[in-house]
Protein backbone atom coordinates (compact mmCIF):
# COMPACT_ATOMS: atom_id res chain seq x y z
CA MET A 1 4.90 -30.28 -2.39
CA SER A 2 5.64 -27.07 -4.29
CA PRO A 3 4.95 -23.77 -2.50
CA ALA A 4 1.74 -21.86 -3.21
CA VAL A 5 3.76 -18.70 -3.89
CA GLU A 6 7.44 -18.58 -4.77
CA THR A 7 9.43 -15.52 -5.80
CA LEU A 8 12.72 -15.91 -7.65
CA ASP A 9 14.97 -12.82 -7.53
CA LEU A 10 11.85 -10.71 -8.03
CA THR A 11 12.91 -7.16 -8.94
CA LYS A 12 11.11 -3.99 -10.00
CA THR A 13 12.70 -0.59 -10.63
CA PHE A 14 10.86 2.65 -11.32
CA VAL A 15 12.18 5.80 -12.94
CA LYS A 16 11.32 8.91 -10.98
CA LYS A 17 11.85 12.31 -12.62
CA THR A 18 13.01 15.20 -10.45
CA LEU A 19 12.24 18.76 -11.53
CA LYS A 20 15.14 21.20 -11.56
CA GLY A 21 15.14 24.99 -11.70
CA SER A 22 13.44 27.86 -9.90
CA ILE A 23 9.70 28.15 -9.32
CA PHE A 24 9.57 30.90 -11.97
CA LYS A 25 11.25 28.68 -14.55
CA ARG A 26 8.88 25.84 -13.74
CA MET A 27 5.90 28.13 -14.23
CA ILE A 28 7.05 29.00 -17.76
CA ARG A 29 7.90 25.32 -18.36
CA ARG A 30 11.63 25.81 -18.55
CA VAL A 31 12.38 22.79 -16.49
CA THR A 32 14.92 20.03 -16.65
CA THR A 33 14.29 16.55 -15.44
CA LYS A 34 16.84 14.32 -13.86
CA PRO A 35 15.80 10.65 -13.87
CA GLU A 36 16.25 8.81 -10.61
CA HIS A 37 16.01 5.03 -10.47
CA VAL A 38 14.19 3.63 -7.44
CA THR A 39 14.28 -0.12 -6.87
CA ALA A 40 10.98 -0.85 -5.14
CA VAL A 41 11.45 -4.65 -5.07
CA ASP A 42 15.06 -5.79 -4.89
CA HIS A 43 15.84 -9.47 -5.67
CA VAL A 44 13.18 -10.83 -3.32
CA ASN A 45 13.20 -14.59 -2.75
CA LEU A 46 10.31 -16.03 -0.73
CA GLN A 47 8.41 -19.29 -0.44
CA ILE A 48 4.87 -19.40 0.99
CA GLY A 49 3.34 -22.79 1.75
CA GLU A 50 -0.22 -23.88 1.02
CA GLY A 51 -2.58 -22.73 3.75
CA GLU A 52 0.01 -20.40 5.28
CA LEU A 53 -0.78 -16.87 6.44
CA PHE A 54 2.40 -15.06 5.51
CA GLY A 55 3.12 -11.43 6.36
CA LEU A 56 5.16 -8.74 4.64
CA LEU A 57 5.95 -6.24 7.39
CA GLY A 58 7.59 -2.91 6.64
CA PRO A 59 7.18 0.87 6.63
CA ASN A 60 5.34 2.81 3.97
CA GLY A 61 7.42 2.80 0.78
CA ALA A 62 9.23 -0.42 1.67
CA GLY A 63 8.03 -2.27 -1.44
CA LYS A 64 5.08 -4.23 -0.03
CA THR A 65 2.41 -2.98 -2.45
CA SER A 66 4.76 -3.28 -5.43
CA THR A 67 5.33 -6.93 -4.48
CA ILE A 68 1.57 -7.55 -4.39
CA LYS A 69 1.16 -5.83 -7.77
CA LEU A 70 3.88 -8.04 -9.28
CA LEU A 71 2.30 -11.22 -7.90
CA CYS A 72 -1.14 -10.38 -9.30
CA THR A 73 0.39 -9.32 -12.69
CA LEU A 74 -0.50 -5.62 -12.44
CA LEU A 75 3.25 -4.99 -12.82
CA VAL A 76 5.80 -6.87 -14.89
CA PRO A 77 9.15 -7.57 -13.18
CA ASP A 78 12.39 -6.14 -14.58
CA GLN A 79 14.31 -9.15 -13.31
CA GLY A 80 13.36 -12.51 -11.89
CA THR A 81 9.87 -13.93 -11.74
CA ALA A 82 7.43 -15.63 -9.40
CA LYS A 83 5.16 -18.64 -9.42
CA VAL A 84 1.66 -18.31 -7.99
CA ASN A 85 -0.33 -21.52 -7.61
CA GLY A 86 2.28 -23.10 -9.88
CA TYR A 87 1.87 -20.53 -12.68
CA ASP A 88 4.59 -18.14 -13.82
CA ILE A 89 3.55 -14.48 -13.47
CA VAL A 90 5.34 -13.54 -16.72
CA LYS A 91 4.54 -16.55 -18.91
CA GLU A 92 1.06 -17.45 -17.60
CA PRO A 93 -0.53 -14.22 -16.31
CA ASN A 94 -4.13 -15.25 -17.07
CA LYS A 95 -3.77 -18.44 -15.02
CA VAL A 96 -2.29 -16.40 -12.17
CA ARG A 97 -5.26 -13.99 -12.24
CA GLU A 98 -7.68 -16.90 -12.02
CA SER A 99 -5.82 -18.18 -8.94
CA VAL A 100 -5.69 -15.03 -6.81
CA GLY A 101 -8.04 -12.65 -5.06
CA VAL A 102 -6.67 -9.19 -4.40
CA VAL A 103 -7.92 -6.97 -1.56
CA THR A 104 -6.54 -3.49 -0.95
CA GLY A 105 -6.94 -1.05 1.93
CA GLY A 106 -8.54 2.33 1.42
CA GLU A 107 -11.80 3.00 -0.35
CA ARG A 108 -11.03 2.41 -4.00
CA GLY A 109 -12.17 -0.67 -5.88
CA LEU A 110 -15.91 -0.44 -5.26
CA TYR A 111 -18.66 1.38 -7.12
CA TRP A 112 -20.33 3.55 -4.51
CA ARG A 113 -23.57 4.17 -6.40
CA LEU A 114 -24.18 0.46 -6.82
CA THR A 115 -25.46 -1.74 -4.02
CA ALA A 116 -23.24 -4.33 -2.38
CA ARG A 117 -25.06 -7.07 -4.28
CA GLU A 118 -24.68 -5.22 -7.60
CA ASN A 119 -20.96 -4.69 -6.96
CA LEU A 120 -20.40 -8.38 -6.34
CA LEU A 121 -22.48 -9.38 -9.37
CA PHE A 122 -20.42 -7.03 -11.54
CA PHE A 123 -17.13 -8.53 -10.38
CA ALA A 124 -18.47 -12.09 -10.73
CA ARG A 125 -19.29 -11.36 -14.36
CA MET A 126 -15.77 -10.00 -14.81
CA TYR A 127 -14.61 -13.49 -13.86
CA ASP A 128 -17.04 -14.91 -16.43
CA MET A 129 -19.21 -16.52 -13.74
CA SER A 130 -22.79 -17.25 -14.74
CA ASP A 131 -25.57 -15.62 -12.71
CA HIS A 132 -27.01 -18.94 -11.55
CA VAL A 133 -23.60 -19.77 -10.01
CA SER A 134 -22.70 -16.31 -8.72
CA LYS A 135 -26.01 -15.26 -7.13
CA PRO A 136 -26.10 -18.03 -4.47
CA LYS A 137 -22.38 -17.42 -3.88
CA ILE A 138 -23.02 -13.70 -3.36
CA ASP A 139 -25.78 -14.44 -0.82
CA GLU A 140 -23.40 -16.77 1.02
CA LEU A 141 -20.56 -14.22 1.11
CA LEU A 142 -22.78 -11.34 2.23
CA LYS A 143 -24.05 -13.47 5.11
CA LEU A 144 -20.47 -14.48 5.96
CA VAL A 145 -19.50 -10.86 6.69
CA GLU A 146 -22.91 -9.90 8.12
CA LEU A 147 -23.85 -7.55 5.29
CA ASP A 148 -26.85 -9.56 4.11
CA GLY A 149 -29.26 -7.19 5.90
CA ARG A 150 -27.92 -4.19 3.97
CA ALA A 151 -27.00 -5.91 0.69
CA ASP A 152 -29.37 -3.78 -1.37
CA GLU A 153 -28.21 -0.41 -0.06
CA THR A 154 -25.78 1.66 -2.11
CA VAL A 155 -22.17 1.41 -0.94
CA GLU A 156 -21.94 5.18 -0.42
CA LYS A 157 -24.13 4.69 2.68
CA TYR A 158 -21.69 2.18 4.20
CA SER A 159 -19.20 2.90 6.98
CA ARG A 160 -15.53 2.44 6.21
CA GLY A 161 -15.49 -0.88 8.08
CA MET A 162 -18.46 -2.16 6.06
CA LYS A 163 -16.77 -1.15 2.82
CA GLN A 164 -13.67 -3.08 3.82
CA ARG A 165 -15.73 -6.19 4.58
CA LEU A 166 -17.23 -5.85 1.11
CA HIS A 167 -13.70 -5.49 -0.31
CA LEU A 168 -12.79 -8.80 1.32
CA ILE A 169 -15.65 -10.80 -0.13
CA ARG A 170 -15.17 -9.14 -3.53
CA GLY A 171 -11.77 -10.87 -3.52
CA LEU A 172 -13.47 -14.19 -2.67
CA ILE A 173 -16.20 -14.13 -5.32
CA HIS A 174 -14.38 -16.55 -7.67
CA ASP A 175 -13.15 -18.77 -4.79
CA PRO A 176 -9.40 -18.21 -5.38
CA ALA A 177 -6.80 -20.51 -3.89
CA ILE A 178 -4.61 -17.58 -2.85
CA LEU A 179 -5.50 -14.21 -1.31
CA LEU A 180 -3.27 -11.14 -1.57
CA LEU A 181 -4.33 -8.72 1.16
CA ASP A 182 -2.65 -5.32 0.88
CA GLU A 183 -3.07 -3.35 4.13
CA PRO A 184 -6.64 -4.64 4.67
CA THR A 185 -7.14 -2.71 7.94
CA LEU A 186 -5.61 0.57 6.78
CA GLY A 187 -7.46 3.54 8.27
CA LEU A 188 -10.02 1.47 10.18
CA ASP A 189 -11.02 2.15 13.77
CA PRO A 190 -9.81 -0.49 16.30
CA ALA A 191 -13.17 -2.30 16.48
CA SER A 192 -13.53 -2.60 12.68
CA ALA A 193 -9.89 -3.67 12.35
CA ARG A 194 -10.44 -6.42 14.92
CA VAL A 195 -13.44 -7.73 12.95
CA ILE A 196 -11.36 -7.89 9.76
CA ARG A 197 -8.42 -9.60 11.51
CA ASP A 198 -10.68 -12.22 13.13
CA PHE A 199 -12.35 -12.90 9.78
CA VAL A 200 -9.00 -13.31 7.99
CA LYS A 201 -7.53 -15.65 10.61
CA GLN A 202 -10.55 -17.70 11.59
CA ARG A 203 -12.77 -17.86 8.51
CA LEU A 204 -10.31 -17.52 5.63
CA GLN A 205 -7.24 -19.36 6.90
CA ARG A 206 -8.48 -21.84 9.49
CA GLU A 207 -11.88 -22.73 8.05
CA GLN A 208 -11.45 -22.17 4.29
CA LYS A 209 -7.74 -23.15 4.24
CA LYS A 210 -6.79 -20.19 2.02
CA THR A 211 -3.17 -19.31 1.40
CA ILE A 212 -2.83 -15.65 2.39
CA LEU A 213 -0.15 -13.06 1.79
CA LEU A 214 -0.80 -10.07 4.03
CA THR A 215 1.07 -6.76 3.87
CA THR A 216 1.01 -4.43 6.85
CA HIS A 217 2.99 -1.83 8.73
CA TYR A 218 1.12 -2.62 11.96
CA MET A 219 3.38 -4.68 14.25
CA ASP A 220 0.57 -6.09 16.38
CA GLU A 221 -1.38 -7.17 13.32
CA ALA A 222 1.59 -9.11 11.93
CA ASP A 223 2.33 -10.62 15.34
CA GLN A 224 -1.26 -11.76 15.94
CA LEU A 225 -2.08 -13.10 12.49
CA CYS A 226 0.98 -14.36 10.67
CA ASP A 227 2.53 -17.83 10.75
CA ARG A 228 5.72 -16.36 9.29
CA ILE A 229 6.86 -12.83 8.51
CA ALA A 230 9.29 -11.30 6.07
CA ILE A 231 10.49 -7.88 7.19
CA ILE A 232 11.04 -5.71 4.11
CA ASP A 233 12.80 -2.36 3.84
CA ASN A 234 13.90 -0.41 0.77
CA GLY A 235 12.75 -3.31 -1.39
CA LYS A 236 14.92 -5.91 0.36
CA VAL A 237 13.95 -8.73 2.71
CA ILE A 238 16.03 -8.10 5.83
CA GLY A 239 14.44 -10.60 8.22
CA LEU A 240 12.46 -13.82 7.87
CA GLY A 241 10.89 -16.22 10.35
CA THR A 242 8.01 -16.78 12.72
CA PRO A 243 7.17 -13.85 15.04
CA ALA A 244 8.71 -15.82 17.91
CA GLU A 245 11.90 -16.55 15.95
CA LEU A 246 12.33 -12.93 14.94
CA LYS A 247 11.88 -11.69 18.50
CA LYS A 248 14.18 -14.40 19.84
CA SER A 249 16.92 -13.07 17.57
CA LEU A 250 17.07 -10.09 19.98
CA SER A 251 17.21 -12.28 23.07
CA GLN A 252 20.81 -11.26 23.79
CA ALA A 253 19.83 -7.59 23.96
CA ASP A 254 18.10 -5.76 26.82
CA ILE A 255 15.35 -3.29 25.94
CA ILE A 256 14.57 -0.42 28.29
CA GLN A 257 11.35 1.54 27.90
CA ILE A 258 11.07 5.01 29.46
CA ASN A 259 7.92 7.14 29.57
CA ALA A 260 8.74 10.77 30.31
CA SER A 261 7.77 14.38 29.79
CA ASN A 262 9.76 17.51 28.91
CA VAL A 263 11.83 15.35 26.54
CA PRO A 264 13.93 17.33 24.03
CA GLU A 265 14.26 16.07 20.45
CA ALA A 266 18.02 15.83 21.04
CA ALA A 267 17.48 13.10 23.67
CA GLU A 268 17.80 10.37 21.05
CA SER A 269 21.25 11.46 19.87
CA LEU A 270 22.41 12.17 23.45
CA LEU A 271 21.56 8.64 24.58
CA LYS A 272 23.10 7.05 21.49
CA ASN A 273 26.44 8.51 22.55
CA ILE A 274 26.42 6.49 25.78
CA GLU A 275 28.77 3.53 25.54
CA GLY A 276 26.88 0.24 25.56
CA ILE A 277 23.72 1.56 23.86
CA SER A 278 23.19 0.24 20.34
CA GLU A 279 19.87 1.84 19.34
CA VAL A 280 17.43 4.46 20.63
CA ALA A 281 13.89 5.08 19.34
CA LEU A 282 12.09 8.25 20.42
CA SER A 283 8.33 8.56 19.92
CA PHE A 284 6.40 11.66 20.98
CA ASP A 285 2.85 11.34 22.33
CA ASP A 286 2.58 15.13 22.66
CA SER A 287 5.47 17.07 21.15
CA ASP A 288 4.31 20.40 22.64
CA ALA A 289 4.51 19.03 26.19
CA GLY A 290 7.51 16.89 25.37
CA ARG A 291 5.67 13.71 26.42
CA ALA A 292 7.43 10.80 24.81
CA GLN A 293 8.42 7.17 24.96
CA LEU A 294 12.05 6.05 24.62
CA ARG A 295 13.01 2.49 23.71
CA ILE A 296 16.69 1.79 24.31
CA HIS A 297 18.61 -1.27 23.09
CA THR A 298 21.64 -2.31 25.11
CA MET A 299 23.60 -5.45 25.90
CA ASP A 300 23.65 -4.67 29.64
CA ALA A 301 20.78 -2.62 31.04
CA GLU A 302 22.14 -2.59 34.57
CA SER A 303 25.42 -0.94 33.61
CA VAL A 304 23.95 1.83 31.45
CA LEU A 305 20.87 2.76 33.51
CA PRO A 306 22.65 5.23 35.84
CA GLU A 307 24.10 7.21 32.92
CA ILE A 308 20.77 7.13 31.04
CA THR A 309 18.85 8.62 33.97
CA GLN A 310 21.60 11.14 34.75
CA THR A 311 21.69 12.31 31.12
CA LEU A 312 17.93 12.73 30.91
CA VAL A 313 17.51 14.43 34.29
CA SER A 314 20.35 16.87 33.49
CA LYS A 315 18.29 18.02 30.47
CA GLY A 316 15.19 18.60 32.59
CA VAL A 317 13.42 15.40 31.63
CA LYS A 318 10.81 14.09 34.08
CA ILE A 319 10.82 10.28 34.10
CA HIS A 320 7.38 8.79 34.87
CA ALA A 321 8.04 5.09 34.22
CA LEU A 322 11.10 2.97 33.48
CA GLN A 323 11.07 -0.75 32.83
CA GLU A 324 12.86 -3.54 31.02
CA ILE A 325 10.52 -5.12 28.46
CA GLU A 326 10.23 -8.12 26.16
CA PRO A 327 11.13 -7.39 22.51
CA THR A 328 8.44 -6.67 19.92
CA LEU A 329 8.58 -6.80 16.13
CA GLU A 330 9.20 -3.05 16.28
CA ASP A 331 12.36 -3.80 18.26
CA VAL A 332 13.38 -6.38 15.65
CA PHE A 333 13.01 -3.72 12.95
CA ILE A 334 14.99 -1.21 15.03
CA GLY A 335 17.71 -3.79 15.54
CA LEU A 336 17.90 -4.52 11.81
CA THR A 337 17.70 -0.95 10.48
CA GLY A 338 18.53 1.41 13.34
CA ARG A 339 15.20 3.24 13.10
CA LYS A 340 11.54 2.86 14.01
CA LEU A 341 9.16 1.06 11.69
CA ARG A 342 7.21 4.26 11.00
CA ASP A 343 10.19 6.61 10.55
């Protein structure tokens, strides 16, 4: 059986112009531009099976959204191609568009002065669906996400979570085989994000058997939802596997987590200089008070712990908790790149 989505050396490069010269020169338009080439998607090769919920996990600017835009034909690749539902994104773009539903995070993509029902009817007509087919479908979808009671209110009155539920069913209006979900929980509060995640996993994948490509920079979201994950950074796929397989790849390393206060910013570099420590990630909860969390990768926690504590205490750090922990997808990313996912 051929994969639902397959990318073949998929590559996209953008030209970014950098302004040169002083502020005064820029004001009088005496500027020079120096083109800089940025490869957003760099020879990406992936295969996503039918009915699979596949995740693209990476920091902002890693190339996740550009990949989605290539797969739904909003962008044309510079090299390589992809097949979506068996159709080539370069040679058969119209067939690809019929096969996919695209859902983005944020608040664009809906008409706020129209009602939810009017929005869905508009998009159904864009897919050339007749009203007698689309209207029952719209009623069904609105009930599915519990918006049927407010279907005739304008979208501007909706909460952010309600708008995102409407985004989701907008992508389902033409019953696509494949869903491309680009940061679907971006900016949502925890309760609204949980509703969206449950809907994607339970209703869309398990019940409706949709093939789903999900992009996210939330580790827990990828871990909870995805059957397999590709970790992407600077346009390249640097890790691929199930969440368990990716975390198992760090099984030979020990990970120490320290919660402390009065932590200086230099703590990260100081600890990296200790022999036996491979990576250190420092995350401040309150930079003014120096409250922070340190995650330290080492091959032998027992041998390096005394020097870690001595180094921190000598700098006035107050250690509140210290424990050895199981690896997370964040630790996988740190191990692959040497920095935190959100750096």
